[in-house]
Amino acid sequence: MVVSISATGFKSGLGTSFYGSWGSSSSSDSFSLVNSVPSQVRVGKPVRSKPMMKNVNEGKGLFAPLVVLTRQIIGKKRFNQLRGKAIALHSQVITEFCNSIGADAKQRQGLIRLAKKNGERLGFLA
């Protein structure tokens, strides 16, 4: 006897129907299934997307609009050159200050990091 029961559970045939029983699989079906599954699976290196060079400080800080406008006016390449010179000059000023007060290299590095954080908050690194 074959009973037709639909996916919804009604005998009226709404949707697709299942014919047969769960216990009547042949040994050749299970043998072919076992042979179709690979015995070893190779796992490759995960694919990583390239990091986007996007500034997280874009538009943040008091001076950010001025910095963004300046970059648009003079161009990205020239702007990055100018910014690099300004950062280098500021680091030299901090180094000279540390030498004059007798601060060691660790304190000097801490002041440079503090200057960078302040620059981010004010929008100079936008």
N, C-alpha and C. Protein backbone atom coordinates (compact mmCIF):
# COMPACT_ATOMS: atom_id res chain seq x y z
N MET A 1 0.83 -1.17 0.00
CA MET A 1 0.00 0.00 0.00
C MET A 1 0.88 1.24 0.00
N VAL A 2 0.65 2.20 -0.87
CA VAL A 2 1.40 3.44 -0.98
C VAL A 2 0.50 4.57 -0.50
N VAL A 3 0.99 5.33 0.49
CA VAL A 3 0.22 6.44 1.03
C VAL A 3 0.86 7.74 0.56
N SER A 4 0.06 8.64 0.08
CA SER A 4 0.57 9.92 -0.39
C SER A 4 0.30 10.98 0.67
N ILE A 5 1.37 11.54 1.23
CA ILE A 5 1.25 12.61 2.21
C ILE A 5 2.07 13.77 1.70
N SER A 6 1.48 14.93 1.64
CA SER A 6 2.18 16.10 1.11
C SER A 6 3.11 16.68 2.16
N ALA A 7 3.88 17.67 1.73
CA ALA A 7 4.83 18.32 2.64
C ALA A 7 4.11 19.06 3.76
N THR A 8 2.86 19.41 3.54
CA THR A 8 2.12 20.12 4.58
C THR A 8 1.43 19.17 5.54
N GLY A 9 1.40 17.87 5.21
CA GLY A 9 0.79 16.88 6.09
C GLY A 9 -0.63 16.53 5.74
N PHE A 10 -1.16 17.09 4.68
CA PHE A 10 -2.53 16.80 4.27
C PHE A 10 -2.53 15.76 3.16
N LYS A 11 -3.54 14.91 3.13
CA LYS A 11 -3.66 13.89 2.09
C LYS A 11 -4.23 14.45 0.80
N SER A 12 -4.63 15.69 0.80
CA SER A 12 -5.27 16.25 -0.39
C SER A 12 -4.27 16.58 -1.48
N GLY A 13 -3.00 16.52 -1.21
CA GLY A 13 -2.00 16.73 -2.25
C GLY A 13 -1.58 18.17 -2.42
N LEU A 14 -1.62 18.97 -1.39
CA LEU A 14 -1.11 20.34 -1.48
C LEU A 14 0.40 20.30 -1.46
N GLY A 15 1.04 20.79 -2.47
CA GLY A 15 2.51 20.78 -2.54
C GLY A 15 3.01 19.46 -3.09
N THR A 16 4.29 19.15 -2.86
CA THR A 16 4.88 17.92 -3.37
C THR A 16 4.57 16.76 -2.43
N SER A 17 4.53 15.56 -2.99
CA SER A 17 4.19 14.37 -2.20
C SER A 17 5.37 13.44 -2.08
N PHE A 18 5.38 12.64 -1.02
CA PHE A 18 6.43 11.65 -0.79
C PHE A 18 5.83 10.27 -1.00
N TYR A 19 6.45 9.45 -1.85
CA TYR A 19 6.01 8.09 -2.08
C TYR A 19 7.09 7.13 -1.63
N GLY A 20 6.75 6.16 -0.87
CA GLY A 20 7.71 5.17 -0.46
C GLY A 20 7.85 5.13 1.04
N SER A 21 8.88 4.42 1.50
CA SER A 21 9.12 4.32 2.93
C SER A 21 10.58 4.57 3.21
N TRP A 22 10.89 4.83 4.46
CA TRP A 22 12.26 5.14 4.85
C TRP A 22 13.11 3.88 4.99
N GLY A 23 12.51 2.76 5.22
CA GLY A 23 13.28 1.56 5.50
C GLY A 23 13.58 0.72 4.29
N SER A 24 13.26 1.12 3.10
CA SER A 24 13.43 0.26 1.94
C SER A 24 14.59 0.71 1.04
N SER A 25 15.71 1.08 1.59
CA SER A 25 16.85 1.45 0.75
C SER A 25 17.67 0.20 0.47
N SER A 26 18.20 0.10 -0.71
CA SER A 26 18.97 -1.08 -1.07
C SER A 26 20.43 -0.88 -0.66
N SER A 27 21.17 -1.96 -0.57
CA SER A 27 22.57 -1.87 -0.17
C SER A 27 23.42 -1.22 -1.25
N SER A 28 23.00 -1.32 -2.53
CA SER A 28 23.78 -0.70 -3.59
C SER A 28 23.68 0.82 -3.51
N ASP A 29 22.54 1.35 -3.05
CA ASP A 29 22.40 2.80 -2.90
C ASP A 29 23.35 3.33 -1.83
N SER A 30 23.44 2.66 -0.69
CA SER A 30 24.32 3.12 0.38
C SER A 30 25.79 2.93 0.00
N PHE A 31 26.11 1.88 -0.77
CA PHE A 31 27.48 1.66 -1.20
C PHE A 31 27.93 2.77 -2.15
N SER A 32 27.06 3.16 -3.09
CA SER A 32 27.43 4.23 -4.03
C SER A 32 27.54 5.57 -3.30
N LEU A 33 26.74 5.76 -2.27
CA LEU A 33 26.83 6.99 -1.48
C LEU A 33 28.15 7.06 -0.73
N VAL A 34 28.59 5.97 -0.16
CA VAL A 34 29.86 5.93 0.56
C VAL A 34 31.02 6.19 -0.39
N ASN A 35 30.97 5.63 -1.59
CA ASN A 35 32.05 5.81 -2.56
C ASN A 35 32.07 7.21 -3.15
N SER A 36 30.95 7.91 -3.14
CA SER A 36 30.93 9.25 -3.71
C SER A 36 31.49 10.31 -2.76
N VAL A 37 31.59 9.99 -1.48
CA VAL A 37 32.12 10.94 -0.51
C VAL A 37 33.64 10.77 -0.44
N PRO A 38 34.42 11.86 -0.60
CA PRO A 38 35.89 11.72 -0.55
C PRO A 38 36.36 11.33 0.84
N SER A 39 37.42 10.50 0.88
CA SER A 39 37.93 10.04 2.17
C SER A 39 38.78 11.11 2.85
N GLN A 40 39.39 12.01 2.06
CA GLN A 40 40.18 13.09 2.62
C GLN A 40 39.71 14.41 2.00
N VAL A 41 39.65 15.41 2.82
CA VAL A 41 39.25 16.72 2.34
C VAL A 41 40.41 17.68 2.58
N ARG A 42 40.85 18.38 1.54
CA ARG A 42 41.93 19.35 1.69
C ARG A 42 41.35 20.70 2.07
N VAL A 43 41.99 21.31 3.01
CA VAL A 43 41.57 22.63 3.45
C VAL A 43 42.68 23.60 3.08
N GLY A 44 42.35 24.58 2.24
CA GLY A 44 43.33 25.57 1.82
C GLY A 44 43.37 26.74 2.77
N LYS A 45 44.26 27.65 2.46
CA LYS A 45 44.35 28.86 3.27
C LYS A 45 43.09 29.69 3.08
N PRO A 46 42.60 30.31 4.14
CA PRO A 46 41.41 31.15 3.98
C PRO A 46 41.72 32.36 3.10
N VAL A 47 40.76 32.72 2.31
CA VAL A 47 40.93 33.86 1.42
C VAL A 47 40.62 35.13 2.20
N ARG A 48 41.59 36.03 2.24
CA ARG A 48 41.41 37.29 2.96
C ARG A 48 41.27 38.40 1.95
N SER A 49 40.32 39.25 2.19
CA SER A 49 40.18 40.39 1.30
C SER A 49 41.24 41.42 1.65
N LYS A 50 41.61 42.21 0.66
CA LYS A 50 42.63 43.22 0.89
C LYS A 50 42.06 44.30 1.80
N PRO A 51 42.87 44.77 2.75
CA PRO A 51 42.36 45.81 3.64
C PRO A 51 42.12 47.10 2.87
N MET A 52 41.03 47.75 3.20
CA MET A 52 40.73 49.02 2.56
C MET A 52 41.46 50.13 3.30
N MET A 53 42.10 50.98 2.55
CA MET A 53 42.83 52.09 3.13
C MET A 53 41.87 53.27 3.28
N LYS A 54 40.98 53.13 4.24
CA LYS A 54 40.00 54.17 4.48
C LYS A 54 40.29 54.81 5.81
N ASN A 55 40.18 56.12 5.84
CA ASN A 55 40.47 56.84 7.06
C ASN A 55 39.26 56.77 7.98
N VAL A 56 39.46 56.22 9.18
CA VAL A 56 38.36 56.10 10.13
C VAL A 56 38.00 57.44 10.75
N ASN A 57 38.88 58.43 10.61
CA ASN A 57 38.63 59.74 11.21
C ASN A 57 38.03 60.73 10.22
N GLU A 58 37.59 60.25 9.07
CA GLU A 58 37.02 61.12 8.05
C GLU A 58 35.81 61.85 8.61
N GLY A 59 35.89 63.17 8.62
CA GLY A 59 34.76 63.98 9.05
C GLY A 59 34.63 64.16 10.55
N LYS A 60 35.56 63.64 11.33
CA LYS A 60 35.48 63.77 12.78
C LYS A 60 36.47 64.82 13.26
N GLY A 61 36.09 65.58 14.23
CA GLY A 61 36.99 66.56 14.82
C GLY A 61 36.73 67.97 14.33
N LEU A 62 37.25 68.91 15.08
CA LEU A 62 37.03 70.33 14.81
C LEU A 62 37.65 70.77 13.49
N PHE A 63 38.84 70.28 13.18
CA PHE A 63 39.54 70.72 11.98
C PHE A 63 39.33 69.80 10.78
N ALA A 64 38.54 68.75 10.93
CA ALA A 64 38.35 67.78 9.84
C ALA A 64 37.80 68.41 8.56
N PRO A 65 36.80 69.27 8.62
CA PRO A 65 36.31 69.86 7.36
C PRO A 65 37.39 70.65 6.63
N LEU A 66 38.22 71.39 7.38
CA LEU A 66 39.31 72.15 6.77
C LEU A 66 40.35 71.22 6.13
N VAL A 67 40.65 70.12 6.81
CA VAL A 67 41.63 69.16 6.30
C VAL A 67 41.10 68.50 5.03
N VAL A 68 39.83 68.10 5.03
CA VAL A 68 39.24 67.46 3.86
C VAL A 68 39.20 68.43 2.68
N LEU A 69 38.82 69.66 2.94
CA LEU A 69 38.77 70.67 1.88
C LEU A 69 40.16 70.93 1.29
N THR A 70 41.16 71.03 2.16
CA THR A 70 42.53 71.25 1.70
C THR A 70 43.00 70.08 0.82
N ARG A 71 42.67 68.84 1.23
CA ARG A 71 43.06 67.66 0.45
C ARG A 71 42.41 67.69 -0.92
N GLN A 72 41.15 68.12 -0.99
CA GLN A 72 40.45 68.18 -2.27
C GLN A 72 41.04 69.27 -3.17
N ILE A 73 41.49 70.37 -2.57
CA ILE A 73 42.01 71.49 -3.36
C ILE A 73 43.40 71.17 -3.92
N ILE A 74 44.32 70.72 -3.06
CA ILE A 74 45.71 70.54 -3.51
C ILE A 74 46.00 69.14 -4.04
N GLY A 75 45.09 68.20 -3.86
CA GLY A 75 45.29 66.84 -4.35
C GLY A 75 45.84 65.93 -3.26
N LYS A 76 45.51 64.65 -3.41
CA LYS A 76 45.85 63.68 -2.37
C LYS A 76 47.36 63.48 -2.22
N LYS A 77 48.08 63.39 -3.35
CA LYS A 77 49.52 63.14 -3.28
C LYS A 77 50.25 64.29 -2.61
N ARG A 78 49.99 65.50 -3.05
CA ARG A 78 50.65 66.69 -2.48
C ARG A 78 50.23 66.88 -1.02
N PHE A 79 48.96 66.59 -0.71
CA PHE A 79 48.48 66.71 0.66
C PHE A 79 49.21 65.75 1.59
N ASN A 80 49.39 64.50 1.16
CA ASN A 80 50.09 63.52 1.99
C ASN A 80 51.56 63.90 2.19
N GLN A 81 52.17 64.50 1.17
CA GLN A 81 53.55 64.98 1.33
C GLN A 81 53.61 66.09 2.37
N LEU A 82 52.69 67.02 2.27
CA LEU A 82 52.63 68.15 3.22
C LEU A 82 52.35 67.65 4.64
N ARG A 83 51.43 66.72 4.77
CA ARG A 83 51.11 66.16 6.08
C ARG A 83 52.32 65.45 6.67
N GLY A 84 53.04 64.69 5.85
CA GLY A 84 54.23 63.98 6.32
C GLY A 84 55.29 64.94 6.83
N LYS A 85 55.49 66.04 6.10
CA LYS A 85 56.46 67.05 6.55
C LYS A 85 56.03 67.67 7.87
N ALA A 86 54.73 67.96 8.02
CA ALA A 86 54.23 68.56 9.26
C ALA A 86 54.40 67.62 10.44
N ILE A 87 54.11 66.34 10.22
CA ILE A 87 54.26 65.35 11.30
C ILE A 87 55.73 65.21 11.69
N ALA A 88 56.62 65.16 10.69
CA ALA A 88 58.05 65.05 10.97
C ALA A 88 58.56 66.26 11.74
N LEU A 89 58.12 67.45 11.33
CA LEU A 89 58.53 68.68 12.03
C LEU A 89 58.03 68.68 13.47
N HIS A 90 56.78 68.25 13.68
CA HIS A 90 56.23 68.21 15.03
C HIS A 90 56.98 67.19 15.89
N SER A 91 57.35 66.06 15.31
CA SER A 91 58.13 65.06 16.05
C SER A 91 59.49 65.60 16.44
N GLN A 92 60.11 66.40 15.57
CA GLN A 92 61.40 67.03 15.89
C GLN A 92 61.26 68.02 17.04
N VAL A 93 60.17 68.79 17.04
CA VAL A 93 59.93 69.73 18.14
C VAL A 93 59.76 68.99 19.45
N ILE A 94 59.01 67.88 19.41
CA ILE A 94 58.82 67.08 20.63
C ILE A 94 60.16 66.51 21.10
N THR A 95 60.99 66.04 20.17
CA THR A 95 62.30 65.49 20.52
C THR A 95 63.20 66.55 21.14
N GLU A 96 63.22 67.73 20.55
CA GLU A 96 64.03 68.83 21.13
C GLU A 96 63.52 69.20 22.51
N PHE A 97 62.22 69.23 22.70
CA PHE A 97 61.65 69.53 24.01
C PHE A 97 62.08 68.48 25.03
N CYS A 98 62.00 67.21 24.64
CA CYS A 98 62.40 66.13 25.55
C CYS A 98 63.88 66.20 25.89
N ASN A 99 64.71 66.57 24.91
CA ASN A 99 66.14 66.72 25.18
C ASN A 99 66.40 67.87 26.14
N SER A 100 65.64 68.95 26.02
CA SER A 100 65.86 70.11 26.89
C SER A 100 65.44 69.86 28.33
N ILE A 101 64.43 69.02 28.53
CA ILE A 101 64.00 68.75 29.91
C ILE A 101 64.61 67.46 30.46
N GLY A 102 65.34 66.73 29.62
CA GLY A 102 66.01 65.51 30.09
C GLY A 102 65.12 64.29 30.12
N ALA A 103 64.08 64.24 29.29
CA ALA A 103 63.20 63.07 29.23
C ALA A 103 63.87 61.96 28.43
N ASP A 104 63.63 60.72 28.83
CA ASP A 104 64.23 59.59 28.10
C ASP A 104 63.41 59.25 26.85
N ALA A 105 63.89 58.28 26.09
CA ALA A 105 63.27 57.91 24.81
C ALA A 105 61.85 57.38 25.00
N LYS A 106 61.61 56.66 26.10
CA LYS A 106 60.28 56.10 26.35
C LYS A 106 59.26 57.23 26.59
N GLN A 107 59.66 58.23 27.34
CA GLN A 107 58.77 59.37 27.58
C GLN A 107 58.55 60.16 26.29
N ARG A 108 59.60 60.29 25.49
CA ARG A 108 59.48 60.99 24.20
C ARG A 108 58.48 60.27 23.30
N GLN A 109 58.60 58.95 23.24
CA GLN A 109 57.68 58.16 22.41
C GLN A 109 56.24 58.29 22.91
N GLY A 110 56.08 58.35 24.23
CA GLY A 110 54.75 58.55 24.80
C GLY A 110 54.16 59.89 24.41
N LEU A 111 55.00 60.94 24.40
CA LEU A 111 54.51 62.26 23.99
C LEU A 111 54.14 62.29 22.50
N ILE A 112 54.89 61.58 21.68
CA ILE A 112 54.57 61.51 20.24
C ILE A 112 53.25 60.78 20.04
N ARG A 113 53.03 59.70 20.78
CA ARG A 113 51.75 58.98 20.69
C ARG A 113 50.59 59.86 21.16
N LEU A 114 50.82 60.61 22.23
CA LEU A 114 49.79 61.53 22.72
C LEU A 114 49.47 62.60 21.68
N ALA A 115 50.49 63.11 21.00
CA ALA A 115 50.27 64.11 19.95
C ALA A 115 49.44 63.51 18.82
N LYS A 116 49.69 62.25 18.48
CA LYS A 116 48.92 61.60 17.42
C LYS A 116 47.46 61.45 17.84
N LYS A 117 47.21 61.01 19.07
CA LYS A 117 45.83 60.87 19.56
C LYS A 117 45.11 62.20 19.57
N ASN A 118 45.81 63.24 20.01
CA ASN A 118 45.20 64.58 20.01
C ASN A 118 44.90 65.05 18.59
N GLY A 119 45.80 64.75 17.66
CA GLY A 119 45.58 65.10 16.26
C GLY A 119 44.37 64.39 15.68
N GLU A 120 44.19 63.13 16.07
CA GLU A 120 43.01 62.38 15.61
C GLU A 120 41.74 63.00 16.17
N ARG A 121 41.73 63.33 17.45
CA ARG A 121 40.54 63.92 18.07
C ARG A 121 40.18 65.28 17.49
N LEU A 122 41.20 66.06 17.15
CA LEU A 122 40.96 67.39 16.60
C LEU A 122 40.63 67.38 15.11
N GLY A 123 40.89 66.25 14.45
CA GLY A 123 40.56 66.14 13.04
C GLY A 123 41.70 66.42 12.10
N PHE A 124 42.93 66.54 12.60
CA PHE A 124 44.07 66.79 11.72
C PHE A 124 44.41 65.56 10.87
N LEU A 125 44.00 64.38 11.30
CA LEU A 125 44.30 63.17 10.54
C LEU A 125 43.08 62.69 9.75
N ALA A 126 42.15 63.59 9.47
CA ALA A 126 40.94 63.23 8.72
C ALA A 126 41.28 63.00 7.26
